[in-house]
Amino acid sequence: MSRAHLRTAMLVADALTLAIGAFDHASADSSEIVMRLQGAEADREEVHQATGMIMVQLGVNAQEAPLRLRARAFAQDQTSTGIARAIIDRTTDLRHE
């Protein structure tokens, strides 16, 4: 699967997850769902940016980098987005593990 197709598939998965979640909240209107989708897209972009930074920092490939990100998130009981933001802000550096 190409990067563009993978990105599209991930966005569709996010959209479906949020839409299904909205069924549990009868009061959720369409503007709230749109806001959640926009937030999910921003989170995904941060994870992609941090993944690229990990590839450069550690000299790993595109398959290894997101695994390192998720492993760090799991080990620190945080979200991947939270770790991605710390990497982008340069408050976390995986080279020093």
PDB file of N, CA and C in Angstrom:
ATOM      1  N   MET A   1       0.847  -1.163   0.000  1.00  0.00           N
ATOM      2  CA  MET A   1       0.000   0.000   0.000  1.00  0.00           C
ATOM      3  C   MET A   1       0.903   1.241   0.000  1.00  0.00           C
ATOM      4  N   SER A   2       0.579   2.196  -0.819  1.00  0.00           N
ATOM      5  CA  SER A   2       1.382   3.425  -0.882  1.00  0.00           C
ATOM      6  C   SER A   2       1.144   4.273   0.357  1.00  0.00           C
ATOM      7  N   ARG A   3       2.026   5.229   0.582  1.00  0.00           N
ATOM      8  CA  ARG A   3       1.870   6.128   1.740  1.00  0.00           C
ATOM      9  C   ARG A   3       0.556   6.899   1.662  1.00  0.00           C
ATOM     10  N   ALA A   4       0.207   7.339   0.461  1.00  0.00           N
ATOM     11  CA  ALA A   4      -1.039   8.095   0.291  1.00  0.00           C
ATOM     12  C   ALA A   4      -2.249   7.228   0.611  1.00  0.00           C
ATOM     13  N   HIS A   5      -2.230   5.985   0.156  1.00  0.00           N
ATOM     14  CA  HIS A   5      -3.341   5.074   0.448  1.00  0.00           C
ATOM     15  C   HIS A   5      -3.404   4.749   1.936  1.00  0.00           C
ATOM     16  N   LEU A   6      -2.260   4.552   2.554  1.00  0.00           N
ATOM     17  CA  LEU A   6      -2.223   4.265   3.984  1.00  0.00           C
ATOM     18  C   LEU A   6      -2.761   5.451   4.777  1.00  0.00           C
ATOM     19  N   ARG A   7      -2.353   6.644   4.412  1.00  0.00           N
ATOM     20  CA  ARG A   7      -2.839   7.844   5.097  1.00  0.00           C
ATOM     21  C   ARG A   7      -4.349   7.961   4.955  1.00  0.00           C
ATOM     22  N   THR A   8      -4.865   7.729   3.750  1.00  0.00           N
ATOM     23  CA  THR A   8      -6.306   7.781   3.525  1.00  0.00           C
ATOM     24  C   THR A   8      -7.027   6.727   4.361  1.00  0.00           C
ATOM     25  N   ALA A   9      -6.483   5.528   4.397  1.00  0.00           N
ATOM     26  CA  ALA A   9      -7.106   4.457   5.181  1.00  0.00           C
ATOM     27  C   ALA A   9      -7.138   4.813   6.665  1.00  0.00           C
ATOM     28  N   MET A  10      -6.081   5.421   7.158  1.00  0.00           N
ATOM     29  CA  MET A  10      -6.040   5.797   8.567  1.00  0.00           C
ATOM     30  C   MET A  10      -7.041   6.909   8.865  1.00  0.00           C
ATOM     31  N   LEU A  11      -7.189   7.853   7.950  1.00  0.00           N
ATOM     32  CA  LEU A  11      -8.176   8.917   8.140  1.00  0.00           C
ATOM     33  C   LEU A  11      -9.596   8.364   8.125  1.00  0.00           C
ATOM     34  N   VAL A  12      -9.850   7.424   7.231  1.00  0.00           N
ATOM     35  CA  VAL A  12     -11.175   6.796   7.178  1.00  0.00           C
ATOM     36  C   VAL A  12     -11.445   6.038   8.476  1.00  0.00           C
ATOM     37  N   ALA A  13     -10.436   5.327   8.973  1.00  0.00           N
ATOM     38  CA  ALA A  13     -10.595   4.604  10.243  1.00  0.00           C
ATOM     39  C   ALA A  13     -10.911   5.576  11.377  1.00  0.00           C
ATOM     40  N   ASP A  14     -10.223   6.697  11.419  1.00  0.00           N
ATOM     41  CA  ASP A  14     -10.502   7.716  12.437  1.00  0.00           C
ATOM     42  C   ASP A  14     -11.933   8.238  12.303  1.00  0.00           C
ATOM     43  N   ALA A  15     -12.329   8.521  11.077  1.00  0.00           N
ATOM     44  CA  ALA A  15     -13.664   9.059  10.844  1.00  0.00           C
ATOM     45  C   ALA A  15     -14.737   8.075  11.297  1.00  0.00           C
ATOM     46  N   LEU A  16     -14.547   6.810  10.955  1.00  0.00           N
ATOM     47  CA  LEU A  16     -15.525   5.797  11.354  1.00  0.00           C
ATOM     48  C   LEU A  16     -15.567   5.630  12.865  1.00  0.00           C
ATOM     49  N   THR A  17     -14.421   5.634  13.492  1.00  0.00           N
ATOM     50  CA  THR A  17     -14.364   5.500  14.947  1.00  0.00           C
ATOM     51  C   THR A  17     -15.110   6.641  15.621  1.00  0.00           C
ATOM     52  N   LEU A  18     -14.865   7.853  15.169  1.00  0.00           N
ATOM     53  CA  LEU A  18     -15.547   8.996  15.760  1.00  0.00           C
ATOM     54  C   LEU A  18     -17.042   8.987  15.466  1.00  0.00           C
ATOM     55  N   ALA A  19     -17.416   8.593  14.260  1.00  0.00           N
ATOM     56  CA  ALA A  19     -18.835   8.542  13.912  1.00  0.00           C
ATOM     57  C   ALA A  19     -19.564   7.506  14.751  1.00  0.00           C
ATOM     58  N   ILE A  20     -18.959   6.346  14.935  1.00  0.00           N
ATOM     59  CA  ILE A  20     -19.580   5.299  15.751  1.00  0.00           C
ATOM     60  C   ILE A  20     -19.675   5.765  17.206  1.00  0.00           C
ATOM     61  N   GLY A  21     -18.630   6.423  17.678  1.00  0.00           N
ATOM     62  CA  GLY A  21     -18.657   6.959  19.035  1.00  0.00           C
ATOM     63  C   GLY A  21     -19.745   7.994  19.217  1.00  0.00           C
ATOM     64  N   ALA A  22     -20.033   8.744  18.175  1.00  0.00           N
ATOM     65  CA  ALA A  22     -21.065   9.778  18.258  1.00  0.00           C
ATOM     66  C   ALA A  22     -22.454   9.175  18.438  1.00  0.00           C
ATOM     67  N   PHE A  23     -22.652   7.938  17.992  1.00  0.00           N
ATOM     68  CA  PHE A  23     -23.943   7.295  18.190  1.00  0.00           C
ATOM     69  C   PHE A  23     -24.256   7.120  19.672  1.00  0.00           C
ATOM     70  N   ASP A  24     -23.217   7.010  20.491  1.00  0.00           N
ATOM     71  CA  ASP A  24     -23.418   6.857  21.926  1.00  0.00           C
ATOM     72  C   ASP A  24     -23.834   8.161  22.590  1.00  0.00           C
ATOM     73  N   HIS A  25     -23.653   9.270  21.906  1.00  0.00           N
ATOM     74  CA  HIS A  25     -23.981  10.582  22.452  1.00  0.00           C
ATOM     75  C   HIS A  25     -25.090  11.201  21.614  1.00  0.00           C
ATOM     76  N   ALA A  26     -26.306  10.994  22.046  1.00  0.00           N
ATOM     77  CA  ALA A  26     -27.450  11.457  21.260  1.00  0.00           C
ATOM     78  C   ALA A  26     -27.421  12.955  21.022  1.00  0.00           C
ATOM     79  N   SER A  27     -26.779  13.720  21.927  1.00  0.00           N
ATOM     80  CA  SER A  27     -26.786  15.164  21.782  1.00  0.00           C
ATOM     81  C   SER A  27     -25.674  15.673  20.863  1.00  0.00           C
ATOM     82  N   ALA A  28     -24.787  14.801  20.427  1.00  0.00           N
ATOM     83  CA  ALA A  28     -23.669  15.245  19.575  1.00  0.00           C
ATOM     84  C   ALA A  28     -24.214  15.734  18.242  1.00  0.00           C
ATOM     85  N   ASP A  29     -23.859  16.952  17.884  1.00  0.00           N
ATOM     86  CA  ASP A  29     -24.288  17.462  16.593  1.00  0.00           C
ATOM     87  C   ASP A  29     -23.142  17.341  15.587  1.00  0.00           C
ATOM     88  N   SER A  30     -23.439  17.662  14.344  1.00  0.00           N
ATOM     89  CA  SER A  30     -22.446  17.464  13.296  1.00  0.00           C
ATOM     90  C   SER A  30     -21.224  18.354  13.489  1.00  0.00           C
ATOM     91  N   SER A  31     -21.370  19.544  14.063  1.00  0.00           N
ATOM     92  CA  SER A  31     -20.213  20.422  14.255  1.00  0.00           C
ATOM     93  C   SER A  31     -19.230  19.809  15.256  1.00  0.00           C
ATOM     94  N   GLU A  32     -19.746  19.125  16.265  1.00  0.00           N
ATOM     95  CA  GLU A  32     -18.865  18.461  17.233  1.00  0.00           C
ATOM     96  C   GLU A  32     -18.091  17.325  16.566  1.00  0.00           C
ATOM     97  N   ILE A  33     -18.752  16.585  15.714  1.00  0.00           N
ATOM     98  CA  ILE A  33     -18.097  15.487  15.009  1.00  0.00           C
ATOM     99  C   ILE A  33     -17.017  16.032  14.081  1.00  0.00           C
ATOM    100  N   VAL A  34     -17.312  17.115  13.370  1.00  0.00           N
ATOM    101  CA  VAL A  34     -16.321  17.729  12.484  1.00  0.00           C
ATOM    102  C   VAL A  34     -15.115  18.195  13.295  1.00  0.00           C
ATOM    103  N   MET A  35     -15.360  18.804  14.456  1.00  0.00           N
ATOM    104  CA  MET A  35     -14.270  19.269  15.313  1.00  0.00           C
ATOM    105  C   MET A  35     -13.396  18.087  15.764  1.00  0.00           C
ATOM    106  N   ARG A  36     -14.023  16.986  16.117  1.00  0.00           N
ATOM    107  CA  ARG A  36     -13.264  15.797  16.530  1.00  0.00           C
ATOM    108  C   ARG A  36     -12.432  15.247  15.371  1.00  0.00           C
ATOM    109  N   LEU A  37     -13.003  15.225  14.186  1.00  0.00           N
ATOM    110  CA  LEU A  37     -12.266  14.740  13.020  1.00  0.00           C
ATOM    111  C   LEU A  37     -11.063  15.626  12.719  1.00  0.00           C
ATOM    112  N   GLN A  38     -11.238  16.933  12.834  1.00  0.00           N
ATOM    113  CA  GLN A  38     -10.120  17.844  12.605  1.00  0.00           C
ATOM    114  C   GLN A  38      -9.026  17.632  13.644  1.00  0.00           C
ATOM    115  N   GLY A  39      -9.417  17.372  14.882  1.00  0.00           N
ATOM    116  CA  GLY A  39      -8.439  17.086  15.929  1.00  0.00           C
ATOM    117  C   GLY A  39      -7.693  15.801  15.656  1.00  0.00           C
ATOM    118  N   ALA A  40      -8.402  14.784  15.169  1.00  0.00           N
ATOM    119  CA  ALA A  40      -7.755  13.507  14.853  1.00  0.00           C
ATOM    120  C   ALA A  40      -6.745  13.682  13.725  1.00  0.00           C
ATOM    121  N   GLU A  41      -7.078  14.510  12.737  1.00  0.00           N
ATOM    122  CA  GLU A  41      -6.154  14.766  11.627  1.00  0.00           C
ATOM    123  C   GLU A  41      -4.904  15.474  12.131  1.00  0.00           C
ATOM    124  N   ALA A  42      -5.077  16.454  13.008  1.00  0.00           N
ATOM    125  CA  ALA A  42      -3.919  17.174  13.553  1.00  0.00           C
ATOM    126  C   ALA A  42      -3.032  16.225  14.353  1.00  0.00           C
ATOM    127  N   ASP A  43      -3.654  15.350  15.146  1.00  0.00           N
ATOM    128  CA  ASP A  43      -2.884  14.372  15.922  1.00  0.00           C
ATOM    129  C   ASP A  43      -2.090  13.464  14.994  1.00  0.00           C
ATOM    130  N   ARG A  44      -2.714  12.999  13.941  1.00  0.00           N
ATOM    131  CA  ARG A  44      -2.066  12.097  12.992  1.00  0.00           C
ATOM    132  C   ARG A  44      -0.861  12.792  12.347  1.00  0.00           C
ATOM    133  N   GLU A  45      -1.008  14.064  12.003  1.00  0.00           N
ATOM    134  CA  GLU A  45       0.103  14.802  11.396  1.00  0.00           C
ATOM    135  C   GLU A  45       1.278  14.909  12.366  1.00  0.00           C
ATOM    136  N   GLU A  46       1.000  15.122  13.643  1.00  0.00           N
ATOM    137  CA  GLU A  46       2.071  15.202  14.630  1.00  0.00           C
ATOM    138  C   GLU A  46       2.795  13.870  14.765  1.00  0.00           C
ATOM    139  N   VAL A  47       2.046  12.791  14.751  1.00  0.00           N
ATOM    140  CA  VAL A  47       2.663  11.466  14.841  1.00  0.00           C
ATOM    141  C   VAL A  47       3.537  11.213  13.622  1.00  0.00           C
ATOM    142  N   HIS A  48       3.085  11.612  12.438  1.00  0.00           N
ATOM    143  CA  HIS A  48       3.897  11.434  11.221  1.00  0.00           C
ATOM    144  C   HIS A  48       5.171  12.266  11.287  1.00  0.00           C
ATOM    145  N   GLN A  49       5.056  13.508  11.753  1.00  0.00           N
ATOM    146  CA  GLN A  49       6.230  14.366  11.855  1.00  0.00           C
ATOM    147  C   GLN A  49       7.231  13.777  12.846  1.00  0.00           C
ATOM    148  N   ALA A  50       6.745  13.332  13.994  1.00  0.00           N
ATOM    149  CA  ALA A  50       7.632  12.735  15.001  1.00  0.00           C
ATOM    150  C   ALA A  50       8.260  11.449  14.473  1.00  0.00           C
ATOM    151  N   THR A  51       7.514  10.682  13.698  1.00  0.00           N
ATOM    152  CA  THR A  51       8.050   9.458  13.107  1.00  0.00           C
ATOM    153  C   THR A  51       9.239   9.781  12.210  1.00  0.00           C
ATOM    154  N   GLY A  52       9.114  10.823  11.412  1.00  0.00           N
ATOM    155  CA  GLY A  52      10.233  11.248  10.567  1.00  0.00           C
ATOM    156  C   GLY A  52      11.438  11.672  11.389  1.00  0.00           C
ATOM    157  N   MET A  53      11.192  12.364  12.475  1.00  0.00           N
ATOM    158  CA  MET A  53      12.288  12.787  13.340  1.00  0.00           C
ATOM    159  C   MET A  53      12.978  11.586  13.982  1.00  0.00           C
ATOM    160  N   ILE A  54      12.190  10.588  14.361  1.00  0.00           N
ATOM    161  CA  ILE A  54      12.759   9.364  14.945  1.00  0.00           C
ATOM    162  C   ILE A  54      13.618   8.644  13.915  1.00  0.00           C
ATOM    163  N   MET A  55      13.156   8.599  12.671  1.00  0.00           N
ATOM    164  CA  MET A  55      13.929   7.946  11.609  1.00  0.00           C
ATOM    165  C   MET A  55      15.309   8.586  11.489  1.00  0.00           C
ATOM    166  N   VAL A  56      15.345   9.913  11.541  1.00  0.00           N
ATOM    167  CA  VAL A  56      16.622  10.623  11.415  1.00  0.00           C
ATOM    168  C   VAL A  56      17.463  10.430  12.670  1.00  0.00           C
ATOM    169  N   GLN A  57      16.859  10.623  13.841  1.00  0.00           N
ATOM    170  CA  GLN A  57      17.601  10.526  15.100  1.00  0.00           C
ATOM    171  C   GLN A  57      18.224   9.150  15.310  1.00  0.00           C
ATOM    172  N   LEU A  58      17.441   8.110  15.028  1.00  0.00           N
ATOM    173  CA  LEU A  58      17.888   6.754  15.350  1.00  0.00           C
ATOM    174  C   LEU A  58      18.419   5.989  14.138  1.00  0.00           C
ATOM    175  N   GLY A  59      18.249   6.548  12.949  1.00  0.00           N
ATOM    176  CA  GLY A  59      18.697   5.856  11.754  1.00  0.00           C
ATOM    177  C   GLY A  59      17.908   4.591  11.483  1.00  0.00           C
ATOM    178  N   VAL A  60      16.598   4.628  11.781  1.00  0.00           N
ATOM    179  CA  VAL A  60      15.735   3.461  11.556  1.00  0.00           C
ATOM    180  C   VAL A  60      14.828   3.727  10.360  1.00  0.00           C
ATOM    181  N   ASN A  61      14.185   2.676   9.875  1.00  0.00           N
ATOM    182  CA  ASN A  61      13.326   2.822   8.700  1.00  0.00           C
ATOM    183  C   ASN A  61      11.906   3.227   9.101  1.00  0.00           C
ATOM    184  N   ALA A  62      11.064   3.407   8.084  1.00  0.00           N
ATOM    185  CA  ALA A  62       9.697   3.881   8.292  1.00  0.00           C
ATOM    186  C   ALA A  62       8.816   2.875   9.021  1.00  0.00           C
ATOM    187  N   GLN A  63       9.212   1.628   9.050  1.00  0.00           N
ATOM    188  CA  GLN A  63       8.440   0.629   9.790  1.00  0.00           C
ATOM    189  C   GLN A  63       8.847   0.614  11.263  1.00  0.00           C
ATOM    190  N   GLU A  64      10.113   0.823  11.532  1.00  0.00           N
ATOM    191  CA  GLU A  64      10.639   0.771  12.904  1.00  0.00           C
ATOM    192  C   GLU A  64      10.278   2.018  13.703  1.00  0.00           C
ATOM    193  N   ALA A  65      10.311   3.181  13.078  1.00  0.00           N
ATOM    194  CA  ALA A  65      10.120   4.443  13.796  1.00  0.00           C
ATOM    195  C   ALA A  65       8.779   4.523  14.540  1.00  0.00           C
ATOM    196  N   PRO A  66       7.641   4.215  13.901  1.00  0.00           N
ATOM    197  CA  PRO A  66       6.385   4.296  14.656  1.00  0.00           C
ATOM    198  C   PRO A  66       6.296   3.238  15.757  1.00  0.00           C
ATOM    199  N   LEU A  67       6.988   2.118  15.578  1.00  0.00           N
ATOM    200  CA  LEU A  67       7.022   1.111  16.635  1.00  0.00           C
ATOM    201  C   LEU A  67       7.751   1.653  17.857  1.00  0.00           C
ATOM    202  N   ARG A  68       8.831   2.375  17.628  1.00  0.00           N
ATOM    203  CA  ARG A  68       9.567   2.991  18.730  1.00  0.00           C
ATOM    204  C   ARG A  68       8.706   4.032  19.438  1.00  0.00           C
ATOM    205  N   LEU A  69       7.971   4.803  18.658  1.00  0.00           N
ATOM    206  CA  LEU A  69       7.091   5.820  19.232  1.00  0.00           C
ATOM    207  C   LEU A  69       6.021   5.178  20.108  1.00  0.00           C
ATOM    208  N   ARG A  70       5.362   4.144  19.593  1.00  0.00           N
ATOM    209  CA  ARG A  70       4.311   3.470  20.358  1.00  0.00           C
ATOM    210  C   ARG A  70       4.878   2.761  21.581  1.00  0.00           C
ATOM    211  N   ALA A  71       6.064   2.187  21.453  1.00  0.00           N
ATOM    212  CA  ALA A  71       6.687   1.510  22.594  1.00  0.00           C
ATOM    213  C   ALA A  71       6.971   2.513  23.708  1.00  0.00           C
ATOM    214  N   ARG A  72       7.470   3.686  23.337  1.00  0.00           N
ATOM    215  CA  ARG A  72       7.750   4.722  24.337  1.00  0.00           C
ATOM    216  C   ARG A  72       6.454   5.161  25.004  1.00  0.00           C
ATOM    217  N   ALA A  73       5.408   5.352  24.210  1.00  0.00           N
ATOM    218  CA  ALA A  73       4.109   5.752  24.757  1.00  0.00           C
ATOM    219  C   ALA A  73       3.592   4.692  25.737  1.00  0.00           C
ATOM    220  N   PHE A  74       3.687   3.442  25.357  1.00  0.00           N
ATOM    221  CA  PHE A  74       3.228   2.347  26.220  1.00  0.00           C
ATOM    222  C   PHE A  74       4.042   2.310  27.515  1.00  0.00           C
ATOM    223  N   ALA A  75       5.346   2.402  27.396  1.00  0.00           N
ATOM    224  CA  ALA A  75       6.229   2.323  28.561  1.00  0.00           C
ATOM    225  C   ALA A  75       5.983   3.465  29.540  1.00  0.00           C
ATOM    226  N   GLN A  76       5.593   4.622  29.034  1.00  0.00           N
ATOM    227  CA  GLN A  76       5.372   5.782  29.886  1.00  0.00           C
ATOM    228  C   GLN A  76       3.890   6.035  30.172  1.00  0.00           C
ATOM    229  N   ASP A  77       3.040   5.084  29.766  1.00  0.00           N
ATOM    230  CA  ASP A  77       1.595   5.191  29.977  1.00  0.00           C
ATOM    231  C   ASP A  77       1.054   6.524  29.438  1.00  0.00           C
ATOM    232  N   GLN A  78       1.458   6.845  28.204  1.00  0.00           N
ATOM    233  CA  GLN A  78       1.006   8.054  27.531  1.00  0.00           C
ATOM    234  C   GLN A  78       0.437   7.671  26.175  1.00  0.00           C
ATOM    235  N   THR A  79      -0.111   8.648  25.486  1.00  0.00           N
ATOM    236  CA  THR A  79      -0.593   8.410  24.125  1.00  0.00           C
ATOM    237  C   THR A  79       0.549   8.613  23.136  1.00  0.00           C
ATOM    238  N   SER A  80       0.401   8.033  21.973  1.00  0.00           N
ATOM    239  CA  SER A  80       1.387   8.253  20.914  1.00  0.00           C
ATOM    240  C   SER A  80       1.445   9.723  20.533  1.00  0.00           C
ATOM    241  N   THR A  81       0.302  10.389  20.546  1.00  0.00           N
ATOM    242  CA  THR A  81       0.270  11.809  20.222  1.00  0.00           C
ATOM    243  C   THR A  81       1.045  12.623  21.253  1.00  0.00           C
ATOM    244  N   GLY A  82       0.902  12.273  22.519  1.00  0.00           N
ATOM    245  CA  GLY A  82       1.631  12.974  23.566  1.00  0.00           C
ATOM    246  C   GLY A  82       3.132  12.833  23.413  1.00  0.00           C
ATOM    247  N   ILE A  83       3.591  11.624  23.115  1.00  0.00           N
ATOM    248  CA  ILE A  83       5.021  11.393  22.898  1.00  0.00           C
ATOM    249  C   ILE A  83       5.468  12.108  21.631  1.00  0.00           C
ATOM    250  N   ALA A  84       4.632  12.066  20.583  1.00  0.00           N
ATOM    251  CA  ALA A  84       4.976  12.753  19.331  1.00  0.00           C
ATOM    252  C   ALA A  84       5.176  14.240  19.574  1.00  0.00           C
ATOM    253  N   ARG A  85       4.281  14.847  20.346  1.00  0.00           N
ATOM    254  CA  ARG A  85       4.414  16.283  20.643  1.00  0.00           C
ATOM    255  C   ARG A  85       5.706  16.570  21.400  1.00  0.00           C
ATOM    256  N   ALA A  86       6.056  15.695  22.338  1.00  0.00           N
ATOM    257  CA  ALA A  86       7.299  15.885  23.099  1.00  0.00           C
ATOM    258  C   ALA A  86       8.523  15.755  22.197  1.00  0.00           C
ATOM    259  N   ILE A  87       8.466  14.860  21.227  1.00  0.00           N
ATOM    260  CA  ILE A  87       9.581  14.701  20.283  1.00  0.00           C
ATOM    261  C   ILE A  87       9.686  15.941  19.400  1.00  0.00           C
ATOM    262  N   ILE A  88       8.554  16.409  18.894  1.00  0.00           N
ATOM    263  CA  ILE A  88       8.545  17.598  18.043  1.00  0.00           C
ATOM    264  C   ILE A  88       9.042  18.818  18.826  1.00  0.00           C
ATOM    265  N   ASP A  89       8.621  18.934  20.076  1.00  0.00           N
ATOM    266  CA  ASP A  89       9.047  20.061  20.927  1.00  0.00           C
ATOM    267  C   ASP A  89      10.480  19.905  21.424  1.00  0.00           C
ATOM    268  N   ARG A  90      11.047  18.750  21.140  1.00  0.00           N
ATOM    269  CA  ARG A  90      12.419  18.420  21.551  1.00  0.00           C
ATOM    270  C   ARG A  90      12.593  18.348  23.071  1.00  0.00           C
ATOM    271  N   THR A  91      11.516  17.954  23.750  1.00  0.00           N
ATOM    272  CA  THR A  91      11.628  17.703  25.186  1.00  0.00           C
ATOM    273  C   THR A  91      11.849  16.219  25.450  1.00  0.00           C
ATOM    274  N   THR A  92      11.690  15.422  24.407  1.00  0.00           N
ATOM    275  CA  THR A  92      11.972  13.989  24.467  1.00  0.00           C
ATOM    276  C   THR A  92      12.873  13.637  23.299  1.00  0.00           C
ATOM    277  N   ASP A  93      13.906  12.891  23.583  1.00  0.00           N
ATOM    278  CA  ASP A  93      14.863  12.459  22.552  1.00  0.00           C
ATOM    279  C   ASP A  93      15.112  10.969  22.748  1.00  0.00           C
ATOM    280  N   LEU A  94      14.701  10.173  21.786  1.00  0.00           N
ATOM    281  CA  LEU A  94      14.813   8.732  21.924  1.00  0.00           C
ATOM    282  C   LEU A  94      16.250   8.233  21.792  1.00  0.00           C
ATOM    283  N   ARG A  95      17.162   9.092  21.380  1.00  0.00           N
ATOM    284  CA  ARG A  95      18.563   8.684  21.272  1.00  0.00           C
ATOM    285  C   ARG A  95      19.178   8.416  22.637  1.00  0.00           C
ATOM    286  N   HIS A  96      18.593   8.953  23.665  1.00  0.00           N
ATOM    287  CA  HIS A  96      19.187   8.852  24.994  1.00  0.00           C
ATOM    288  C   HIS A  96      18.560   7.750  25.833  1.00  0.00           C
ATOM    289  N   GLU A  97      18.114   6.699  25.188  1.00  0.00           N
ATOM    290  CA  GLU A  97      17.518   5.570  25.929  1.00  0.00           C
ATOM    291  C   GLU A  97      18.538   4.483  26.110  1.00  0.00           C
TER     292      GLU A  97
END
